[in-house]
Amino acid sequence: MTTRNDQIERYTGSQRAAHWVSAISFILLALSGLALFHPAMAWLANLLGGGQWNRILHPFIGVLWFLVFARFALPLMGSNVITGGDLKWLAQVRRVLAHDASGIPPVGRYNGGQKVLYWVLLLGMLVLLASGVVIWEPYFADRFPVDLRRIAVLAHAVTAWGLILSIIVHVTASVWTAGSLTAMVRGKVSRAWAKHHHPGWYREVG
């Protein structure tokens, strides 16, 4: 996992590719979903060729997102198990935001906040997939009772909004933590960065 000079590999090329395809897919899903959510945002459907194409492509992009996100996230599940140290990290997140690491347990490959986001995205993705299948016309919707479809529409909308907000937090945190975005672009981080932000992981791979 170590590389030449002062760099450590954090993400492989295939992981980065899966991440960025997943990110683009999610953006398209969010925008096309908003076009379906309220008439005031119907103009967003033009990004996918208009209302009819928007309705057709939205669920197919959802399936693509599910497959690519699963390809990226599932191999990282072991690194995202929430431990007692993560709970302590989350309890002292204000100190973390103030760049005060005193008394905070060493962070492994991912910190407590990143792990919570991981599980929110993973579980939310499953809810979107299941509810999306129930309301997917013309292929599956007619096979389910009307009441179940109504519940699925509500679950789909609420979960989608929750994930959009979660992704906004994720992007903000990535920009706020210098070096995080670079890691997903180039795949490598400096030893100093790893030692400072993820000392537990640094001891494992450094």
N, C-alpha and C. Protein backbone atom coordinates (compact mmCIF):
# COMPACT_ATOMS: atom_id res chain seq x y z
N MET A 1 0.83 -1.21 0.00
CA MET A 1 0.00 0.00 0.00
C MET A 1 0.86 1.25 0.00
N THR A 2 2.08 1.15 0.49
CA THR A 2 2.95 2.33 0.48
C THR A 2 3.46 2.57 -0.93
N THR A 3 3.81 3.79 -1.22
CA THR A 3 4.33 4.15 -2.53
C THR A 3 5.65 4.87 -2.36
N ARG A 4 6.19 5.33 -3.45
CA ARG A 4 7.49 5.99 -3.39
C ARG A 4 7.41 7.30 -2.63
N ASN A 5 8.59 7.70 -2.15
CA ASN A 5 8.76 9.00 -1.51
C ASN A 5 7.86 9.16 -0.29
N ASP A 6 7.13 10.28 -0.23
CA ASP A 6 6.37 10.60 0.97
C ASP A 6 4.88 10.31 0.78
N GLN A 7 4.53 9.45 -0.16
CA GLN A 7 3.12 9.23 -0.48
C GLN A 7 2.66 7.84 -0.06
N ILE A 8 1.39 7.76 0.36
CA ILE A 8 0.75 6.49 0.71
C ILE A 8 -0.52 6.36 -0.11
N GLU A 9 -0.73 5.19 -0.68
CA GLU A 9 -1.94 4.97 -1.47
C GLU A 9 -3.15 4.84 -0.54
N ARG A 10 -4.14 5.67 -0.78
CA ARG A 10 -5.38 5.61 0.01
C ARG A 10 -6.51 4.97 -0.78
N TYR A 11 -6.56 5.23 -2.08
CA TYR A 11 -7.58 4.63 -2.93
C TYR A 11 -6.95 4.15 -4.23
N THR A 12 -7.34 2.96 -4.66
CA THR A 12 -6.84 2.42 -5.92
C THR A 12 -7.54 3.12 -7.09
N GLY A 13 -7.04 2.89 -8.29
CA GLY A 13 -7.64 3.49 -9.47
C GLY A 13 -9.08 3.04 -9.66
N SER A 14 -9.36 1.76 -9.43
CA SER A 14 -10.72 1.26 -9.60
C SER A 14 -11.67 1.84 -8.55
N GLN A 15 -11.17 2.05 -7.35
CA GLN A 15 -11.99 2.66 -6.30
C GLN A 15 -12.33 4.10 -6.65
N ARG A 16 -11.35 4.83 -7.16
CA ARG A 16 -11.59 6.23 -7.52
C ARG A 16 -12.57 6.32 -8.69
N ALA A 17 -12.41 5.44 -9.66
CA ALA A 17 -13.32 5.44 -10.80
C ALA A 17 -14.75 5.15 -10.36
N ALA A 18 -14.90 4.16 -9.49
CA ALA A 18 -16.24 3.81 -8.98
C ALA A 18 -16.83 4.97 -8.19
N HIS A 19 -16.00 5.65 -7.40
CA HIS A 19 -16.47 6.77 -6.61
C HIS A 19 -17.00 7.89 -7.50
N TRP A 20 -16.24 8.25 -8.54
CA TRP A 20 -16.63 9.38 -9.37
C TRP A 20 -17.82 9.05 -10.28
N VAL A 21 -17.89 7.82 -10.76
CA VAL A 21 -19.08 7.43 -11.53
C VAL A 21 -20.30 7.44 -10.62
N SER A 22 -20.12 6.98 -9.39
CA SER A 22 -21.21 7.02 -8.41
C SER A 22 -21.63 8.45 -8.11
N ALA A 23 -20.65 9.35 -7.98
CA ALA A 23 -20.95 10.75 -7.68
C ALA A 23 -21.72 11.40 -8.81
N ILE A 24 -21.28 11.16 -10.06
CA ILE A 24 -21.97 11.74 -11.21
C ILE A 24 -23.38 11.18 -11.32
N SER A 25 -23.52 9.87 -11.08
CA SER A 25 -24.83 9.24 -11.13
C SER A 25 -25.76 9.84 -10.08
N PHE A 26 -25.23 10.08 -8.90
CA PHE A 26 -26.06 10.64 -7.83
C PHE A 26 -26.52 12.05 -8.18
N ILE A 27 -25.63 12.85 -8.77
CA ILE A 27 -26.02 14.21 -9.17
C ILE A 27 -27.14 14.16 -10.19
N LEU A 28 -27.01 13.28 -11.18
CA LEU A 28 -28.06 13.14 -12.18
C LEU A 28 -29.36 12.65 -11.55
N LEU A 29 -29.25 11.75 -10.61
CA LEU A 29 -30.44 11.25 -9.90
C LEU A 29 -31.11 12.37 -9.11
N ALA A 30 -30.30 13.15 -8.41
CA ALA A 30 -30.85 14.22 -7.58
C ALA A 30 -31.58 15.25 -8.45
N LEU A 31 -30.95 15.66 -9.54
CA LEU A 31 -31.54 16.68 -10.40
C LEU A 31 -32.79 16.15 -11.11
N SER A 32 -32.71 14.94 -11.64
CA SER A 32 -33.88 14.38 -12.32
C SER A 32 -34.99 14.07 -11.33
N GLY A 33 -34.62 13.69 -10.11
CA GLY A 33 -35.62 13.43 -9.07
C GLY A 33 -36.31 14.70 -8.63
N LEU A 34 -35.56 15.79 -8.51
CA LEU A 34 -36.17 17.07 -8.15
C LEU A 34 -37.15 17.53 -9.23
N ALA A 35 -36.83 17.23 -10.49
CA ALA A 35 -37.73 17.58 -11.59
C ALA A 35 -39.06 16.84 -11.46
N LEU A 36 -39.03 15.64 -10.91
CA LEU A 36 -40.25 14.87 -10.71
C LEU A 36 -40.96 15.22 -9.41
N PHE A 37 -40.21 15.84 -8.50
CA PHE A 37 -40.73 16.09 -7.15
C PHE A 37 -41.73 17.23 -7.11
N HIS A 38 -41.44 18.33 -7.84
CA HIS A 38 -42.31 19.51 -7.76
C HIS A 38 -42.32 20.23 -9.11
N PRO A 39 -43.48 20.72 -9.54
CA PRO A 39 -43.57 21.43 -10.83
C PRO A 39 -42.61 22.60 -10.95
N ALA A 40 -42.31 23.26 -9.84
CA ALA A 40 -41.41 24.41 -9.89
C ALA A 40 -40.00 24.02 -10.34
N MET A 41 -39.67 22.74 -10.20
CA MET A 41 -38.34 22.28 -10.59
C MET A 41 -38.39 21.40 -11.83
N ALA A 42 -39.52 21.40 -12.52
CA ALA A 42 -39.69 20.54 -13.71
C ALA A 42 -38.69 20.89 -14.81
N TRP A 43 -38.21 22.14 -14.83
CA TRP A 43 -37.26 22.56 -15.86
C TRP A 43 -35.96 21.75 -15.82
N LEU A 44 -35.66 21.16 -14.66
CA LEU A 44 -34.45 20.35 -14.54
C LEU A 44 -34.50 19.11 -15.43
N ALA A 45 -35.73 18.72 -15.83
CA ALA A 45 -35.86 17.55 -16.69
C ALA A 45 -35.17 17.75 -18.03
N ASN A 46 -34.96 18.99 -18.42
CA ASN A 46 -34.30 19.28 -19.69
C ASN A 46 -32.86 18.77 -19.73
N LEU A 47 -32.27 18.55 -18.56
CA LEU A 47 -30.91 18.05 -18.49
C LEU A 47 -30.81 16.64 -19.07
N LEU A 48 -31.92 15.90 -19.02
CA LEU A 48 -31.94 14.54 -19.56
C LEU A 48 -32.81 14.43 -20.81
N GLY A 49 -33.09 15.56 -21.43
CA GLY A 49 -33.82 15.53 -22.69
C GLY A 49 -35.31 15.81 -22.61
N GLY A 50 -35.79 16.27 -21.45
CA GLY A 50 -37.21 16.59 -21.34
C GLY A 50 -37.94 15.65 -20.40
N GLY A 51 -39.22 15.97 -20.16
CA GLY A 51 -40.00 15.25 -19.17
C GLY A 51 -40.08 13.75 -19.38
N GLN A 52 -40.38 13.32 -20.62
CA GLN A 52 -40.53 11.89 -20.88
C GLN A 52 -39.22 11.14 -20.70
N TRP A 53 -38.13 11.68 -21.25
CA TRP A 53 -36.84 11.04 -21.09
C TRP A 53 -36.38 11.07 -19.63
N ASN A 54 -36.73 12.11 -18.93
CA ASN A 54 -36.38 12.21 -17.52
C ASN A 54 -37.02 11.08 -16.73
N ARG A 55 -38.31 10.82 -16.98
CA ARG A 55 -39.02 9.74 -16.28
C ARG A 55 -38.46 8.37 -16.66
N ILE A 56 -38.04 8.23 -17.92
CA ILE A 56 -37.51 6.93 -18.37
C ILE A 56 -36.12 6.67 -17.79
N LEU A 57 -35.25 7.68 -17.85
CA LEU A 57 -33.85 7.49 -17.48
C LEU A 57 -33.61 7.49 -15.98
N HIS A 58 -34.43 8.20 -15.22
CA HIS A 58 -34.19 8.32 -13.77
C HIS A 58 -34.02 6.97 -13.09
N PRO A 59 -34.93 6.01 -13.25
CA PRO A 59 -34.75 4.73 -12.57
C PRO A 59 -33.56 3.92 -13.08
N PHE A 60 -33.25 4.03 -14.36
CA PHE A 60 -32.10 3.30 -14.89
C PHE A 60 -30.80 3.85 -14.33
N ILE A 61 -30.73 5.17 -14.19
CA ILE A 61 -29.55 5.78 -13.56
C ILE A 61 -29.48 5.33 -12.10
N GLY A 62 -30.64 5.17 -11.47
CA GLY A 62 -30.68 4.68 -10.09
C GLY A 62 -30.07 3.30 -9.96
N VAL A 63 -30.36 2.41 -10.90
CA VAL A 63 -29.78 1.07 -10.88
C VAL A 63 -28.27 1.15 -11.08
N LEU A 64 -27.85 2.00 -12.01
CA LEU A 64 -26.41 2.19 -12.22
C LEU A 64 -25.73 2.67 -10.96
N TRP A 65 -26.35 3.65 -10.30
CA TRP A 65 -25.78 4.18 -9.05
C TRP A 65 -25.67 3.08 -8.00
N PHE A 66 -26.70 2.28 -7.87
CA PHE A 66 -26.69 1.19 -6.90
C PHE A 66 -25.52 0.24 -7.16
N LEU A 67 -25.35 -0.17 -8.40
CA LEU A 67 -24.30 -1.13 -8.74
C LEU A 67 -22.91 -0.56 -8.53
N VAL A 68 -22.70 0.68 -8.97
CA VAL A 68 -21.37 1.27 -8.87
C VAL A 68 -21.04 1.63 -7.42
N PHE A 69 -22.03 2.18 -6.70
CA PHE A 69 -21.80 2.52 -5.30
C PHE A 69 -21.49 1.27 -4.49
N ALA A 70 -22.23 0.19 -4.76
CA ALA A 70 -21.98 -1.07 -4.06
C ALA A 70 -20.57 -1.58 -4.36
N ARG A 71 -20.13 -1.42 -5.61
CA ARG A 71 -18.77 -1.83 -5.99
C ARG A 71 -17.72 -1.07 -5.19
N PHE A 72 -17.98 0.19 -4.92
CA PHE A 72 -17.03 1.00 -4.15
C PHE A 72 -17.15 0.76 -2.64
N ALA A 73 -18.39 0.71 -2.14
CA ALA A 73 -18.61 0.74 -0.70
C ALA A 73 -18.49 -0.60 0.00
N LEU A 74 -18.97 -1.67 -0.60
CA LEU A 74 -19.01 -2.95 0.10
C LEU A 74 -17.62 -3.46 0.51
N PRO A 75 -16.58 -3.33 -0.32
CA PRO A 75 -15.26 -3.77 0.13
C PRO A 75 -14.72 -2.96 1.31
N LEU A 76 -15.30 -1.77 1.54
CA LEU A 76 -14.84 -0.91 2.64
C LEU A 76 -15.67 -1.09 3.90
N MET A 77 -16.58 -2.04 3.90
CA MET A 77 -17.48 -2.20 5.04
C MET A 77 -16.71 -2.50 6.33
N GLY A 78 -15.68 -3.35 6.22
CA GLY A 78 -14.90 -3.69 7.41
C GLY A 78 -14.22 -2.49 8.03
N SER A 79 -13.86 -1.52 7.21
CA SER A 79 -13.19 -0.31 7.71
C SER A 79 -14.18 0.70 8.29
N ASN A 80 -15.48 0.42 8.16
CA ASN A 80 -16.50 1.36 8.62
C ASN A 80 -17.34 0.83 9.77
N VAL A 81 -16.87 -0.21 10.41
CA VAL A 81 -17.55 -0.70 11.62
C VAL A 81 -17.37 0.34 12.72
N ILE A 82 -18.46 0.76 13.31
CA ILE A 82 -18.41 1.80 14.35
C ILE A 82 -17.99 1.19 15.68
N THR A 83 -16.94 1.74 16.26
CA THR A 83 -16.37 1.24 17.52
C THR A 83 -16.63 2.22 18.66
N GLY A 84 -16.21 1.81 19.85
CA GLY A 84 -16.33 2.70 21.00
C GLY A 84 -15.53 3.98 20.81
N GLY A 85 -14.38 3.85 20.15
CA GLY A 85 -13.57 5.03 19.88
C GLY A 85 -14.28 6.01 18.96
N ASP A 86 -15.03 5.48 18.01
CA ASP A 86 -15.78 6.34 17.10
C ASP A 86 -16.88 7.09 17.84
N LEU A 87 -17.51 6.43 18.78
CA LEU A 87 -18.55 7.09 19.57
C LEU A 87 -17.96 8.23 20.40
N LYS A 88 -16.76 8.02 20.93
CA LYS A 88 -16.08 9.08 21.67
C LYS A 88 -15.72 10.23 20.72
N TRP A 89 -15.29 9.89 19.52
CA TRP A 89 -14.97 10.91 18.53
C TRP A 89 -16.19 11.75 18.21
N LEU A 90 -17.32 11.09 18.01
CA LEU A 90 -18.55 11.80 17.68
C LEU A 90 -19.01 12.67 18.84
N ALA A 91 -18.79 12.19 20.08
CA ALA A 91 -19.19 12.96 21.26
C ALA A 91 -18.35 14.22 21.41
N GLN A 92 -17.15 14.22 20.82
CA GLN A 92 -16.25 15.36 20.94
C GLN A 92 -16.02 16.04 19.59
N VAL A 93 -17.02 15.96 18.73
CA VAL A 93 -16.85 16.49 17.37
C VAL A 93 -16.59 18.00 17.37
N ARG A 94 -17.12 18.72 18.37
CA ARG A 94 -16.85 20.15 18.44
C ARG A 94 -15.36 20.42 18.63
N ARG A 95 -14.72 19.59 19.43
CA ARG A 95 -13.29 19.75 19.64
C ARG A 95 -12.53 19.44 18.35
N VAL A 96 -13.03 18.44 17.62
CA VAL A 96 -12.41 18.09 16.34
C VAL A 96 -12.50 19.27 15.37
N LEU A 97 -13.67 19.89 15.31
CA LEU A 97 -13.87 21.03 14.42
C LEU A 97 -12.99 22.22 14.80
N ALA A 98 -12.63 22.27 16.07
CA ALA A 98 -11.75 23.34 16.54
C ALA A 98 -10.28 22.97 16.40
N HIS A 99 -10.01 21.82 15.75
CA HIS A 99 -8.65 21.34 15.52
C HIS A 99 -7.92 21.05 16.83
N ASP A 100 -8.67 20.59 17.82
CA ASP A 100 -8.09 20.21 19.10
C ASP A 100 -8.21 18.70 19.25
N ALA A 101 -7.11 17.99 19.08
CA ALA A 101 -7.13 16.52 19.09
C ALA A 101 -6.85 15.93 20.47
N SER A 102 -6.69 16.78 21.47
CA SER A 102 -6.36 16.28 22.80
C SER A 102 -7.53 15.47 23.38
N GLY A 103 -7.21 14.28 23.86
CA GLY A 103 -8.22 13.42 24.48
C GLY A 103 -9.11 12.69 23.50
N ILE A 104 -8.86 12.83 22.22
CA ILE A 104 -9.67 12.17 21.20
C ILE A 104 -8.97 10.89 20.76
N PRO A 105 -9.68 9.76 20.74
CA PRO A 105 -9.06 8.49 20.35
C PRO A 105 -8.47 8.57 18.94
N PRO A 106 -7.36 7.86 18.68
CA PRO A 106 -6.75 7.86 17.35
C PRO A 106 -7.74 7.38 16.29
N VAL A 107 -7.77 8.06 15.19
CA VAL A 107 -8.69 7.72 14.11
C VAL A 107 -8.05 6.70 13.19
N GLY A 108 -8.83 5.68 12.78
CA GLY A 108 -8.34 4.68 11.85
C GLY A 108 -8.48 5.16 10.41
N ARG A 109 -8.81 4.25 9.51
CA ARG A 109 -8.94 4.63 8.09
C ARG A 109 -10.01 5.71 7.91
N TYR A 110 -11.09 5.62 8.72
CA TYR A 110 -12.16 6.61 8.65
C TYR A 110 -12.53 7.05 10.06
N ASN A 111 -12.93 8.32 10.19
CA ASN A 111 -13.35 8.81 11.51
C ASN A 111 -14.82 8.50 11.74
N GLY A 112 -15.30 8.82 12.93
CA GLY A 112 -16.68 8.51 13.28
C GLY A 112 -17.71 9.14 12.36
N GLY A 113 -17.46 10.38 11.96
CA GLY A 113 -18.40 11.06 11.07
C GLY A 113 -18.46 10.39 9.70
N GLN A 114 -17.31 9.99 9.18
CA GLN A 114 -17.26 9.32 7.89
C GLN A 114 -17.98 7.97 7.95
N LYS A 115 -17.84 7.29 9.08
CA LYS A 115 -18.50 5.99 9.22
C LYS A 115 -20.02 6.15 9.29
N VAL A 116 -20.48 7.16 10.01
CA VAL A 116 -21.93 7.40 10.08
C VAL A 116 -22.46 7.71 8.68
N LEU A 117 -21.74 8.54 7.94
CA LEU A 117 -22.14 8.86 6.57
C LEU A 117 -22.18 7.60 5.71
N TYR A 118 -21.20 6.74 5.88
CA TYR A 118 -21.15 5.49 5.11
C TYR A 118 -22.43 4.70 5.30
N TRP A 119 -22.85 4.52 6.55
CA TRP A 119 -24.03 3.71 6.82
C TRP A 119 -25.31 4.42 6.41
N VAL A 120 -25.33 5.74 6.53
CA VAL A 120 -26.50 6.50 6.06
C VAL A 120 -26.67 6.32 4.56
N LEU A 121 -25.57 6.43 3.82
CA LEU A 121 -25.63 6.28 2.36
C LEU A 121 -25.99 4.85 1.96
N LEU A 122 -25.39 3.88 2.63
CA LEU A 122 -25.64 2.49 2.28
C LEU A 122 -27.09 2.10 2.55
N LEU A 123 -27.59 2.42 3.73
CA LEU A 123 -28.97 2.09 4.07
C LEU A 123 -29.95 2.91 3.24
N GLY A 124 -29.63 4.19 3.02
CA GLY A 124 -30.49 5.03 2.19
C GLY A 124 -30.58 4.52 0.77
N MET A 125 -29.44 4.04 0.25
CA MET A 125 -29.42 3.49 -1.09
C MET A 125 -30.36 2.28 -1.20
N LEU A 126 -30.36 1.43 -0.18
CA LEU A 126 -31.23 0.26 -0.20
C LEU A 126 -32.71 0.65 -0.15
N VAL A 127 -33.02 1.69 0.64
CA VAL A 127 -34.40 2.17 0.70
C VAL A 127 -34.83 2.74 -0.65
N LEU A 128 -33.95 3.52 -1.28
CA LEU A 128 -34.26 4.09 -2.58
C LEU A 128 -34.45 3.00 -3.63
N LEU A 129 -33.61 1.98 -3.57
CA LEU A 129 -33.73 0.89 -4.54
C LEU A 129 -35.05 0.15 -4.37
N ALA A 130 -35.36 -0.23 -3.12
CA ALA A 130 -36.58 -0.99 -2.87
C ALA A 130 -37.83 -0.18 -3.21
N SER A 131 -37.87 1.08 -2.73
CA SER A 131 -39.04 1.92 -3.00
C SER A 131 -39.13 2.28 -4.48
N GLY A 132 -37.97 2.44 -5.12
CA GLY A 132 -37.96 2.77 -6.54
C GLY A 132 -38.53 1.66 -7.41
N VAL A 133 -38.23 0.43 -7.03
CA VAL A 133 -38.78 -0.70 -7.78
C VAL A 133 -40.30 -0.74 -7.65
N VAL A 134 -40.81 -0.46 -6.46
CA VAL A 134 -42.26 -0.50 -6.22
C VAL A 134 -43.00 0.53 -7.07
N ILE A 135 -42.37 1.67 -7.33
CA ILE A 135 -43.07 2.74 -8.08
C ILE A 135 -42.57 2.87 -9.52
N TRP A 136 -41.77 1.92 -9.98
CA TRP A 136 -41.18 1.98 -11.31
C TRP A 136 -42.19 1.56 -12.37
N GLU A 137 -42.68 2.55 -13.09
CA GLU A 137 -43.61 2.28 -14.19
C GLU A 137 -42.83 2.31 -15.52
N PRO A 138 -43.20 1.47 -16.47
CA PRO A 138 -44.34 0.53 -16.47
C PRO A 138 -43.97 -0.89 -16.08
N TYR A 139 -42.77 -1.09 -15.52
CA TYR A 139 -42.26 -2.44 -15.33
C TYR A 139 -42.76 -3.16 -14.09
N PHE A 140 -42.80 -2.46 -12.95
CA PHE A 140 -43.09 -3.16 -11.70
C PHE A 140 -44.27 -2.61 -10.91
N ALA A 141 -44.59 -1.33 -11.07
CA ALA A 141 -45.57 -0.67 -10.21
C ALA A 141 -46.91 -1.39 -10.17
N ASP A 142 -47.38 -1.87 -11.30
CA ASP A 142 -48.69 -2.52 -11.36
C ASP A 142 -48.76 -3.81 -10.57
N ARG A 143 -47.63 -4.33 -10.16
CA ARG A 143 -47.60 -5.59 -9.41
C ARG A 143 -47.80 -5.38 -7.91
N PHE A 144 -47.82 -4.12 -7.48
CA PHE A 144 -47.92 -3.82 -6.06
C PHE A 144 -49.23 -3.10 -5.75
N PRO A 145 -49.76 -3.29 -4.51
CA PRO A 145 -50.99 -2.60 -4.11
C PRO A 145 -50.80 -1.08 -4.11
N VAL A 146 -51.88 -0.36 -4.34
CA VAL A 146 -51.83 1.10 -4.39
C VAL A 146 -51.30 1.68 -3.08
N ASP A 147 -51.75 1.14 -1.94
CA ASP A 147 -51.31 1.68 -0.65
C ASP A 147 -49.80 1.51 -0.48
N LEU A 148 -49.28 0.40 -0.93
CA LEU A 148 -47.83 0.18 -0.82
C LEU A 148 -47.08 1.15 -1.72
N ARG A 149 -47.62 1.43 -2.89
CA ARG A 149 -46.97 2.38 -3.80
C ARG A 149 -46.96 3.78 -3.19
N ARG A 150 -48.03 4.15 -2.50
CA ARG A 150 -48.07 5.46 -1.85
C ARG A 150 -47.01 5.56 -0.76
N ILE A 151 -46.88 4.51 0.02
CA ILE A 151 -45.85 4.49 1.07
C ILE A 151 -44.46 4.56 0.43
N ALA A 152 -44.29 3.84 -0.68
CA ALA A 152 -42.99 3.83 -1.36
C ALA A 152 -42.63 5.21 -1.90
N VAL A 153 -43.62 5.93 -2.44
CA VAL A 153 -43.38 7.29 -2.94
C VAL A 153 -42.89 8.19 -1.82
N LEU A 154 -43.55 8.09 -0.66
CA LEU A 154 -43.16 8.91 0.49
C LEU A 154 -41.76 8.54 0.97
N ALA A 155 -41.51 7.24 1.11
CA ALA A 155 -40.20 6.77 1.57
C ALA A 155 -39.10 7.19 0.59
N HIS A 156 -39.40 7.12 -0.68
CA HIS A 156 -38.43 7.48 -1.71
C HIS A 156 -38.07 8.97 -1.62
N ALA A 157 -39.08 9.80 -1.48
CA ALA A 157 -38.85 11.24 -1.42
C ALA A 157 -38.10 11.65 -0.16
N VAL A 158 -38.54 11.13 1.00
CA VAL A 158 -37.89 11.49 2.26
C VAL A 158 -36.43 11.02 2.28
N THR A 159 -36.20 9.80 1.83
CA THR A 159 -34.84 9.26 1.81
C THR A 159 -33.96 10.04 0.85
N ALA A 160 -34.51 10.39 -0.31
CA ALA A 160 -33.74 11.14 -1.29
C ALA A 160 -33.29 12.49 -0.73
N TRP A 161 -34.21 13.19 -0.07
CA TRP A 161 -33.84 14.47 0.53
C TRP A 161 -32.77 14.28 1.61
N GLY A 162 -32.91 13.21 2.38
CA GLY A 162 -31.92 12.93 3.42
C GLY A 162 -30.53 12.68 2.83
N LEU A 163 -30.48 11.94 1.73
CA LEU A 163 -29.19 11.66 1.11
C LEU A 163 -28.61 12.89 0.44
N ILE A 164 -29.45 13.72 -0.15
CA ILE A 164 -28.94 14.96 -0.75
C ILE A 164 -28.27 15.82 0.32
N LEU A 165 -28.92 15.96 1.47
CA LEU A 165 -28.33 16.74 2.56
C LEU A 165 -27.04 16.09 3.06
N SER A 166 -27.03 14.75 3.13
CA SER A 166 -25.84 14.03 3.59
C SER A 166 -24.67 14.24 2.64
N ILE A 167 -24.96 14.22 1.34
CA ILE A 167 -23.90 14.43 0.36
C ILE A 167 -23.36 15.86 0.43
N ILE A 168 -24.24 16.82 0.69
CA ILE A 168 -23.79 18.21 0.86
C ILE A 168 -22.82 18.30 2.04
N VAL A 169 -23.15 17.63 3.14
CA VAL A 169 -22.25 17.59 4.30
C VAL A 169 -20.94 16.91 3.92
N HIS A 170 -21.02 15.82 3.17
CA HIS A 170 -19.83 15.08 2.76
C HIS A 170 -18.90 15.95 1.92
N VAL A 171 -19.45 16.65 0.94
CA VAL A 171 -18.65 17.51 0.07
C VAL A 171 -18.03 18.65 0.88
N THR A 172 -18.83 19.25 1.76
CA THR A 172 -18.33 20.34 2.60
C THR A 172 -17.17 19.88 3.46
N ALA A 173 -17.32 18.71 4.08
CA ALA A 173 -16.25 18.17 4.95
C ALA A 173 -15.00 17.85 4.14
N SER A 174 -15.19 17.36 2.91
CA SER A 174 -14.04 17.02 2.06
C SER A 174 -13.25 18.27 1.69
N VAL A 175 -13.96 19.35 1.41
CA VAL A 175 -13.29 20.61 1.07
C VAL A 175 -12.65 21.22 2.31
N TRP A 176 -13.36 21.12 3.43
CA TRP A 176 -12.88 21.71 4.68
C TRP A 176 -11.61 21.02 5.17
N THR A 177 -11.53 19.70 4.99
CA THR A 177 -10.35 18.95 5.41
C THR A 177 -9.37 18.89 4.25
N ALA A 178 -8.39 19.75 4.28
CA ALA A 178 -7.43 19.84 3.19
C ALA A 178 -6.77 18.49 2.94
N GLY A 179 -6.74 18.08 1.68
CA GLY A 179 -6.10 16.82 1.32
C GLY A 179 -7.07 15.69 1.06
N SER A 180 -8.29 15.79 1.59
CA SER A 180 -9.27 14.72 1.42
C SER A 180 -9.70 14.58 -0.04
N LEU A 181 -9.99 15.71 -0.67
CA LEU A 181 -10.42 15.68 -2.07
C LEU A 181 -9.29 15.21 -2.97
N THR A 182 -8.08 15.64 -2.65
CA THR A 182 -6.92 15.23 -3.43
C THR A 182 -6.73 13.72 -3.38
N ALA A 183 -7.03 13.13 -2.23
CA ALA A 183 -6.88 11.68 -2.07
C ALA A 183 -7.80 10.93 -3.02
N MET A 184 -8.99 11.45 -3.26
CA MET A 184 -9.92 10.79 -4.15
C MET A 184 -9.64 11.12 -5.61
N VAL A 185 -8.86 12.15 -5.87
CA VAL A 185 -8.49 12.49 -7.25
C VAL A 185 -7.22 11.75 -7.65
N ARG A 186 -6.21 11.82 -6.80
CA ARG A 186 -4.91 11.22 -7.14
C ARG A 186 -4.71 9.84 -6.53
N GLY A 187 -5.48 9.55 -5.49
CA GLY A 187 -5.37 8.23 -4.86
C GLY A 187 -4.33 8.14 -3.77
N LYS A 188 -3.52 9.19 -3.62
CA LYS A 188 -2.43 9.15 -2.65
C LYS A 188 -2.51 10.33 -1.68
N VAL A 189 -1.97 10.12 -0.49
CA VAL A 189 -1.87 11.19 0.51
C VAL A 189 -0.46 11.18 1.06
N SER A 190 -0.07 12.29 1.64
CA SER A 190 1.26 12.35 2.23
C SER A 190 1.25 11.62 3.57
N ARG A 191 2.41 11.17 3.97
CA ARG A 191 2.52 10.51 5.28
C ARG A 191 2.14 11.47 6.41
N ALA A 192 2.50 12.75 6.24
CA ALA A 192 2.16 13.74 7.26
C ALA A 192 0.65 13.87 7.39
N TRP A 193 -0.06 13.89 6.25
CA TRP A 193 -1.52 13.99 6.26
C TRP A 193 -2.13 12.78 6.95
N ALA A 194 -1.66 11.59 6.59
CA ALA A 194 -2.19 10.36 7.17
C ALA A 194 -1.93 10.31 8.68
N LYS A 195 -0.74 10.70 9.08
CA LYS A 195 -0.39 10.66 10.49
C LYS A 195 -1.22 11.65 11.30
N HIS A 196 -1.53 12.81 10.69
CA HIS A 196 -2.29 13.84 11.40
C HIS A 196 -3.78 13.51 11.47
N HIS A 197 -4.37 13.11 10.34
CA HIS A 197 -5.82 12.92 10.29
C HIS A 197 -6.27 11.50 10.62
N HIS A 198 -5.41 10.51 10.33
CA HIS A 198 -5.81 9.11 10.54
C HIS A 198 -4.62 8.32 11.12
N PRO A 199 -4.20 8.67 12.33
CA PRO A 199 -2.99 8.06 12.90
C PRO A 199 -3.09 6.54 13.06
N GLY A 200 -4.31 6.04 13.37
CA GLY A 200 -4.47 4.59 13.50
C GLY A 200 -4.23 3.89 12.18
N TRP A 201 -4.74 4.44 11.12
CA TRP A 201 -4.54 3.88 9.78
C TRP A 201 -3.09 4.03 9.36
N TYR A 202 -2.48 5.16 9.71
CA TYR A 202 -1.07 5.40 9.36
C TYR A 202 -0.17 4.34 9.97
N ARG A 203 -0.45 3.97 11.22
CA ARG A 203 0.37 2.93 11.87
C ARG A 203 0.22 1.59 11.16
N GLU A 204 -0.94 1.35 10.57
CA GLU A 204 -1.17 0.08 9.87
C GLU A 204 -0.44 0.00 8.54
N VAL A 205 -0.41 1.13 7.81
CA VAL A 205 0.10 1.09 6.45
C VAL A 205 1.42 1.83 6.25
N GLY A 206 1.74 2.70 7.22
CA GLY A 206 2.93 3.53 7.03
C GLY A 206 4.23 2.81 7.30
